[in-house]
C-alpha atoms as a PDB file:
ATOM      1  CA  MET A   1     -24.826 -20.690   4.010  1.00  0.00           C
ATOM      2  CA  PHE A   2     -23.510 -18.619   6.888  1.00  0.00           C
ATOM      3  CA  SER A   3     -24.448 -14.958   6.987  1.00  0.00           C
ATOM      4  CA  LEU A   4     -21.724 -12.447   7.670  1.00  0.00           C
ATOM      5  CA  GLN A   5     -23.356 -11.562  10.952  1.00  0.00           C
ATOM      6  CA  THR A   6     -23.070 -15.120  12.279  1.00  0.00           C
ATOM      7  CA  ILE A   7     -19.329 -15.272  11.643  1.00  0.00           C
ATOM      8  CA  PHE A   8     -18.265 -11.724  12.557  1.00  0.00           C
ATOM      9  CA  GLY A   9     -17.162 -12.852  15.996  1.00  0.00           C
ATOM     10  CA  LYS A  10     -14.775 -15.390  14.480  1.00  0.00           C
ATOM     11  CA  GLY A  11     -13.162 -12.917  12.128  1.00  0.00           C
ATOM     12  CA  ASP A  12     -12.793  -9.749  14.178  1.00  0.00           C
ATOM     13  CA  LYS A  13      -9.009 -10.052  14.148  1.00  0.00           C
ATOM     14  CA  PHE A  14      -8.946  -9.514  10.392  1.00  0.00           C
ATOM     15  CA  PHE A  15     -11.010  -6.354  10.676  1.00  0.00           C
ATOM     16  CA  GLY A  16      -8.585  -5.072  13.295  1.00  0.00           C
ATOM     17  CA  LEU A  17      -5.530  -5.912  11.209  1.00  0.00           C
ATOM     18  CA  LEU A  18      -6.962  -4.330   8.060  1.00  0.00           C
ATOM     19  CA  GLU A  19      -7.973  -1.217  10.002  1.00  0.00           C
ATOM     20  CA  ALA A  20      -4.450  -0.931  11.419  1.00  0.00           C
ATOM     21  CA  SER A  21      -3.083  -1.307   7.899  1.00  0.00           C
ATOM     22  CA  ALA A  22      -5.341   1.503   6.637  1.00  0.00           C
ATOM     23  CA  ASP A  23      -4.188   3.652   9.558  1.00  0.00           C
ATOM     24  CA  ALA A  24      -0.548   3.093   8.551  1.00  0.00           C
ATOM     25  CA  ALA A  25      -1.317   4.266   5.011  1.00  0.00           C
ATOM     26  CA  ARG A  26      -3.152   7.342   6.267  1.00  0.00           C
ATOM     27  CA  ASP A  27      -0.340   8.158   8.722  1.00  0.00           C
ATOM     28  CA  ALA A  28       2.187   7.956   5.895  1.00  0.00           C
ATOM     29  CA  ALA A  29       0.064  10.403   3.863  1.00  0.00           C
ATOM     30  CA  SER A  30      -0.138  12.801   6.815  1.00  0.00           C
ATOM     31  CA  ALA A  31       3.623  12.552   7.329  1.00  0.00           C
ATOM     32  CA  LEU A  32       4.124  13.434   3.668  1.00  0.00           C
ATOM     33  CA  VAL A  33       2.023  16.577   3.979  1.00  0.00           C
ATOM     34  CA  HIS A  34       4.104  17.616   6.994  1.00  0.00           C
ATOM     35  CA  LEU A  35       7.322  16.929   5.077  1.00  0.00           C
ATOM     36  CA  LEU A  36       6.237  18.978   2.068  1.00  0.00           C
ATOM     37  CA  GLN A  37       4.880  21.879   4.111  1.00  0.00           C
ATOM     38  CA  ASN A  38       8.132  22.249   6.062  1.00  0.00           C
ATOM     39  CA  ARG A  39      10.643  22.570   3.255  1.00  0.00           C
ATOM     40  CA  ASN A  40      13.073  24.604   5.334  1.00  0.00           C
ATOM     41  CA  ALA A  41      13.575  21.731   7.760  1.00  0.00           C
ATOM     42  CA  SER A  42      15.943  18.854   7.055  1.00  0.00           C
ATOM     43  CA  PRO A  43      13.886  16.038   5.527  1.00  0.00           C
ATOM     44  CA  SER A  44      13.406  13.043   7.827  1.00  0.00           C
ATOM     45  CA  LEU A  45      12.202   9.678   6.608  1.00  0.00           C
ATOM     46  CA  ASP A  46      11.750   8.147  10.069  1.00  0.00           C
ATOM     47  CA  GLU A  47       7.951   8.274   9.968  1.00  0.00           C
ATOM     48  CA  PHE A  48       7.859   6.691   6.531  1.00  0.00           C
ATOM     49  CA  SER A  49      10.231   3.927   7.568  1.00  0.00           C
ATOM     50  CA  LEU A  50       8.035   3.263  10.589  1.00  0.00           C
ATOM     51  CA  ALA A  51       4.888   3.167   8.464  1.00  0.00           C
ATOM     52  CA  ARG A  52       6.518   0.745   6.004  1.00  0.00           C
ATOM     53  CA  ARG A  53       7.617  -1.545   8.824  1.00  0.00           C
ATOM     54  CA  ARG A  54       4.150  -1.439  10.384  1.00  0.00           C
ATOM     55  CA  GLU A  55       2.520  -2.191   7.050  1.00  0.00           C
ATOM     56  CA  LYS A  56       4.884  -5.047   6.275  1.00  0.00           C
ATOM     57  CA  ALA A  57       4.386  -6.599   9.715  1.00  0.00           C
ATOM     58  CA  LEU A  58       0.606  -6.312   9.401  1.00  0.00           C
ATOM     59  CA  SER A  59       0.652  -7.846   5.928  1.00  0.00           C
ATOM     60  CA  GLU A  60       2.707 -10.770   7.174  1.00  0.00           C
ATOM     61  CA  GLN A  61       0.428 -11.223  10.180  1.00  0.00           C
ATOM     62  CA  ILE A  62      -2.663 -11.235   7.971  1.00  0.00           C
ATOM     63  CA  SER A  63      -1.089 -13.890   5.741  1.00  0.00           C
ATOM     64  CA  GLN A  64      -0.226 -16.024   8.763  1.00  0.00           C
ATOM     65  CA  GLU A  65      -3.671 -15.630  10.304  1.00  0.00           C
ATOM     66  CA  LEU A  66      -5.262 -16.735   7.039  1.00  0.00           C
ATOM     67  CA  VAL A  67      -3.259 -19.944   7.266  1.00  0.00           C
ATOM     68  CA  ASN A  68      -4.242 -20.515  10.888  1.00  0.00           C
ATOM     69  CA  THR A  69      -7.922 -19.517  10.723  1.00  0.00           C
ATOM     70  CA  PHE A  70     -10.635 -21.829   9.414  1.00  0.00           C
ATOM     71  CA  VAL A  71     -13.552 -19.355   9.363  1.00  0.00           C
ATOM     72  CA  THR A  72     -13.103 -15.726   8.291  1.00  0.00           C
ATOM     73  CA  ALA A  73     -15.609 -12.882   8.312  1.00  0.00           C
ATOM     74  CA  LEU A  74     -14.631 -11.918   4.760  1.00  0.00           C
ATOM     75  CA  ASP A  75     -13.651 -14.143   1.873  1.00  0.00           C
ATOM     76  CA  ARG A  76      -9.973 -14.999   2.031  1.00  0.00           C
ATOM     77  CA  GLU A  77      -9.254 -13.607  -1.407  1.00  0.00           C
ATOM     78  CA  ASP A  78     -10.877 -10.306  -0.408  1.00  0.00           C
ATOM     79  CA  ILE A  79      -8.763 -10.064   2.743  1.00  0.00           C
ATOM     80  CA  GLU A  80      -5.639 -10.789   0.703  1.00  0.00           C
ATOM     81  CA  ALA A  81      -6.569  -8.259  -2.001  1.00  0.00           C
ATOM     82  CA  LEU A  82      -7.307  -5.475   0.487  1.00  0.00           C
ATOM     83  CA  SER A  83      -4.167  -6.181   2.497  1.00  0.00           C
ATOM     84  CA  ALA A  84      -2.045  -6.163  -0.661  1.00  0.00           C
ATOM     85  CA  VAL A  85      -3.324  -2.832  -1.968  1.00  0.00           C
ATOM     86  CA  LEU A  86      -2.997  -1.180   1.450  1.00  0.00           C
ATOM     87  CA  TYR A  87       0.616  -2.319   1.571  1.00  0.00           C
ATOM     88  CA  LYS A  88       1.205  -0.920  -1.912  1.00  0.00           C
ATOM     89  CA  THR A  89      -0.350   2.406  -0.871  1.00  0.00           C
ATOM     90  CA  THR A  90       2.068   2.915   2.014  1.00  0.00           C
ATOM     91  CA  LYS A  91       4.956   1.745  -0.172  1.00  0.00           C
ATOM     92  CA  SER A  92       4.072   4.263  -2.907  1.00  0.00           C
ATOM     93  CA  ILE A  93       3.908   7.142  -0.432  1.00  0.00           C
ATOM     94  CA  SER A  94       7.260   6.154   1.074  1.00  0.00           C
ATOM     95  CA  LYS A  95       8.885   5.913  -2.368  1.00  0.00           C
ATOM     96  CA  PHE A  96       7.814   9.470  -3.149  1.00  0.00           C
ATOM     97  CA  ALA A  97       9.137  10.714   0.205  1.00  0.00           C
ATOM     98  CA  GLU A  98      12.477   8.988  -0.335  1.00  0.00           C
ATOM     99  CA  ARG A  99      12.920  10.424  -3.805  1.00  0.00           C
ATOM    100  CA  TYR A 100      11.780  13.879  -2.736  1.00  0.00           C
ATOM    101  CA  SER A 101      14.241  13.969   0.162  1.00  0.00           C
ATOM    102  CA  LEU A 102      17.105  13.241  -2.233  1.00  0.00           C
ATOM    103  CA  GLU A 103      16.129  15.984  -4.681  1.00  0.00           C
ATOM    104  CA  VAL A 104      14.597  18.671  -2.475  1.00  0.00           C
ATOM    105  CA  ASP A 105      17.455  21.120  -3.027  1.00  0.00           C
ATOM    106  CA  ARG A 106      16.899  20.988  -6.792  1.00  0.00           C
ATOM    107  CA  LEU A 107      13.139  21.477  -6.802  1.00  0.00           C
ATOM    108  CA  GLY A 108      12.930  25.214  -6.289  1.00  0.00           C
ATOM    109  CA  ASP A 109       9.417  26.538  -5.651  1.00  0.00           C
ATOM    110  CA  VAL A 110       7.483  23.632  -7.156  1.00  0.00           C
ATOM    111  CA  ASP A 111       4.380  23.009  -5.047  1.00  0.00           C
ATOM    112  CA  PHE A 112       3.805  19.379  -4.168  1.00  0.00           C
ATOM    113  CA  ALA A 113       2.115  20.074  -0.830  1.00  0.00           C
ATOM    114  CA  SER A 114      -1.309  21.012  -2.218  1.00  0.00           C
ATOM    115  CA  ARG A 115      -1.417  17.728  -4.117  1.00  0.00           C
ATOM    116  CA  ALA A 116      -0.293  15.791  -1.057  1.00  0.00           C
ATOM    117  CA  VAL A 117      -3.179  17.308   0.917  1.00  0.00           C
ATOM    118  CA  LEU A 118      -5.501  15.496  -1.485  1.00  0.00           C
ATOM    119  CA  LEU A 119      -3.585  12.296  -0.786  1.00  0.00           C
ATOM    120  CA  GLU A 120      -4.121  12.854   2.940  1.00  0.00           C
ATOM    121  CA  LYS A 121      -7.853  13.347   2.361  1.00  0.00           C
ATOM    122  CA  ALA A 122      -7.928  10.118   0.362  1.00  0.00           C
ATOM    123  CA  GLY A 123      -6.142   8.403   3.239  1.00  0.00           C
ATOM    124  CA  ASP A 124      -8.845   9.569   5.636  1.00  0.00           C
ATOM    125  CA  VAL A 125     -11.547   8.178   3.354  1.00  0.00           C
ATOM    126  CA  ILE A 126      -9.965   4.758   2.968  1.00  0.00           C
ATOM    127  CA  THR A 127      -9.675   4.383   6.741  1.00  0.00           C
ATOM    128  CA  GLN A 128     -13.407   5.081   6.979  1.00  0.00           C
ATOM    129  CA  MET A 129     -14.144   2.582   4.218  1.00  0.00           C
ATOM    130  CA  VAL A 130     -12.090  -0.182   5.812  1.00  0.00           C
ATOM    131  CA  ARG A 131     -13.746   0.459   9.176  1.00  0.00           C
ATOM    132  CA  GLN A 132     -17.148   0.321   7.512  1.00  0.00           C
ATOM    133  CA  LEU A 133     -16.539  -3.340   6.641  1.00  0.00           C
ATOM    134  CA  ARG A 134     -16.819  -4.239  10.316  1.00  0.00           C
ATOM    135  CA  LYS A 135     -20.165  -2.475  10.663  1.00  0.00           C
ATOM    136  CA  GLY A 136     -22.277  -4.768   8.511  1.00  0.00           C
ATOM    137  CA  MET A 137     -21.821  -3.926   4.844  1.00  0.00           C
ATOM    138  CA  ASN A 138     -23.916  -0.781   4.415  1.00  0.00           C
ATOM    139  CA  LEU A 139     -23.906  -0.306   0.650  1.00  0.00           C
ATOM    140  CA  GLU A 140     -25.287   3.244   0.724  1.00  0.00           C
ATOM    141  CA  VAL A 141     -22.641   4.473   3.149  1.00  0.00           C
ATOM    142  CA  MET A 142     -19.864   2.725   1.278  1.00  0.00           C
ATOM    143  CA  LYS A 143     -21.004   4.139  -2.061  1.00  0.00           C
ATOM    144  CA  SER A 144     -21.000   7.639  -0.597  1.00  0.00           C
ATOM    145  CA  LEU A 145     -17.444   7.170   0.675  1.00  0.00           C
ATOM    146  CA  ASN A 146     -16.298   5.699  -2.628  1.00  0.00           C
ATOM    147  CA  ASP A 147     -17.865   8.605  -4.535  1.00  0.00           C
ATOM    148  CA  ARG A 148     -15.966  10.997  -2.274  1.00  0.00           C
ATOM    149  CA  LEU A 149     -12.753   9.112  -2.975  1.00  0.00           C
ATOM    150  CA  GLN A 150     -13.355   9.228  -6.726  1.00  0.00           C
ATOM    151  CA  ALA A 151     -13.955  12.986  -6.488  1.00  0.00           C
ATOM    152  CA  ILE A 152     -10.643  13.438  -4.661  1.00  0.00           C
ATOM    153  CA  GLU A 153      -8.865  11.430  -7.324  1.00  0.00           C
ATOM    154  CA  GLY A 154     -10.546  13.496 -10.057  1.00  0.00           C
ATOM    155  CA  GLU A 155      -9.347  16.723  -8.461  1.00  0.00           C
ATOM    156  CA  ALA A 156      -5.847  15.279  -8.083  1.00  0.00           C
ATOM    157  CA  ASP A 157      -5.828  14.319 -11.762  1.00  0.00           C
ATOM    158  CA  ARG A 158      -6.861  17.862 -12.705  1.00  0.00           C
ATOM    159  CA  LEU A 159      -4.037  19.354 -10.657  1.00  0.00           C
ATOM    160  CA  MET A 160      -1.552  16.871 -12.055  1.00  0.00           C
ATOM    161  CA  LEU A 161      -2.515  17.798 -15.609  1.00  0.00           C
ATOM    162  CA  GLN A 162      -2.003  21.432 -14.689  1.00  0.00           C
ATOM    163  CA  LEU A 163       1.468  20.613 -13.413  1.00  0.00           C
ATOM    164  CA  TYR A 164       2.299  18.660 -16.539  1.00  0.00           C
ATOM    165  CA  SER A 165       1.343  21.635 -18.712  1.00  0.00           C
ATOM    166  CA  GLU A 166       3.610  23.866 -16.642  1.00  0.00           C
ATOM    167  CA  LEU A 167       6.513  21.474 -17.118  1.00  0.00           C
ATOM    168  CA  TYR A 168       6.639  22.169 -20.835  1.00  0.00           C
ATOM    169  CA  ASP A 169       6.099  25.933 -20.889  1.00  0.00           C
ATOM    170  CA  GLY A 170       9.801  26.633 -21.350  1.00  0.00           C
ATOM    171  CA  ARG A 171      10.820  27.545 -17.822  1.00  0.00           C
ATOM    172  CA  TYR A 172      12.559  24.240 -16.961  1.00  0.00           C
ATOM    173  CA  GLU A 173      15.699  22.575 -18.262  1.00  0.00           C
ATOM    174  CA  PRO A 174      15.203  19.087 -19.778  1.00  0.00           C
ATOM    175  CA  VAL A 175      16.934  17.301 -16.892  1.00  0.00           C
ATOM    176  CA  ARG A 176      14.750  19.096 -14.371  1.00  0.00           C
ATOM    177  CA  ILE A 177      11.637  18.270 -16.381  1.00  0.00           C
ATOM    178  CA  LEU A 178      12.459  14.570 -16.103  1.00  0.00           C
ATOM    179  CA  LEU A 179      13.034  14.889 -12.360  1.00  0.00           C
ATOM    180  CA  LEU A 180       9.766  16.710 -11.729  1.00  0.00           C
ATOM    181  CA  LYS A 181       7.819  14.407 -14.031  1.00  0.00           C
ATOM    182  CA  ASP A 182       9.092  11.403 -12.093  1.00  0.00           C
ATOM    183  CA  LEU A 183       8.030  12.945  -8.789  1.00  0.00           C
ATOM    184  CA  PHE A 184       4.609  13.953 -10.114  1.00  0.00           C
ATOM    185  CA  GLU A 185       4.009  10.418 -11.322  1.00  0.00           C
ATOM    186  CA  LEU A 186       5.055   8.899  -7.994  1.00  0.00           C
ATOM    187  CA  LEU A 187       2.630  11.158  -6.161  1.00  0.00           C
ATOM    188  CA  GLU A 188      -0.128  10.423  -8.646  1.00  0.00           C
ATOM    189  CA  LYS A 189       0.489   6.698  -8.203  1.00  0.00           C
ATOM    190  CA  ALA A 190       0.067   7.014  -4.436  1.00  0.00           C
ATOM    191  CA  ILE A 191      -3.329   8.671  -4.920  1.00  0.00           C
ATOM    192  CA  ASP A 192      -4.274   5.971  -7.422  1.00  0.00           C
ATOM    193  CA  ARG A 193      -3.420   3.348  -4.818  1.00  0.00           C
ATOM    194  CA  CYS A 194      -5.933   4.939  -2.450  1.00  0.00           C
ATOM    195  CA  ARG A 195      -8.504   4.687  -5.220  1.00  0.00           C
ATOM    196  CA  ASP A 196      -7.633   1.010  -5.577  1.00  0.00           C
ATOM    197  CA  VAL A 197      -8.208   0.462  -1.858  1.00  0.00           C
ATOM    198  CA  GLY A 198     -11.612   2.095  -2.169  1.00  0.00           C
ATOM    199  CA  ASN A 199     -12.521  -0.025  -5.172  1.00  0.00           C
ATOM    200  CA  VAL A 200     -11.593  -3.260  -3.398  1.00  0.00           C
ATOM    201  CA  ALA A 201     -13.511  -2.284  -0.251  1.00  0.00           C
ATOM    202  CA  TYR A 202     -16.544  -1.242  -2.283  1.00  0.00           C
ATOM    203  CA  GLN A 203     -16.519  -4.485  -4.259  1.00  0.00           C
ATOM    204  CA  ILE A 204     -16.424  -6.459  -1.015  1.00  0.00           C
ATOM    205  CA  VAL A 205     -19.571  -4.720   0.156  1.00  0.00           C
ATOM    206  CA  LEU A 206     -21.279  -5.184  -3.207  1.00  0.00           C
ATOM    207  CA  LYS A 207     -20.534  -8.896  -3.109  1.00  0.00           C
ATOM    208  CA  ASN A 208     -21.827  -9.331   0.436  1.00  0.00           C
ATOM    209  CA  SER A 209     -24.871  -7.057   0.352  1.00  0.00           C
END
């Protein structure tokens, strides 16, 4: 049985493609923070469109390379799973940005930015986790990163619950409650996608340690 170390050289392209995919997700999260912190500016979705196109192109390239490559540094199903959840992460962030840009004039003083900062932190962690796969499957390091990611998600869940409680305190009209609830859930889903990336990456290391 080949060790991972003996086949790394034949699979470097997949590490590079997955790392670029993680970067696209993180960049989308950073763009969202900028969008939410600059509410007086006209919303622009250019960065999100670019991130989606990058992610889609990378996903397609990974699929094609899997067809063309006989030996891979990671199991094929693991490459496919990680690529798929990274794509979904960028897609979820973009969906929130698109919906937010349509409704921004109706949102008043609702604070989404502080929650998006947590998404950006999660994006930073998943880029570190994906890069760690290239470095030789250090379980201790990966566990530490995954624990950090779980802590970020826990804090995001706490803040989301706080927002949900505020929705029903009588200050909002029913139609506005539905709008805000939809946006909260889209943002929460994006953070959950980052958690999913971390779980897949961590499971890869567990399997290969």
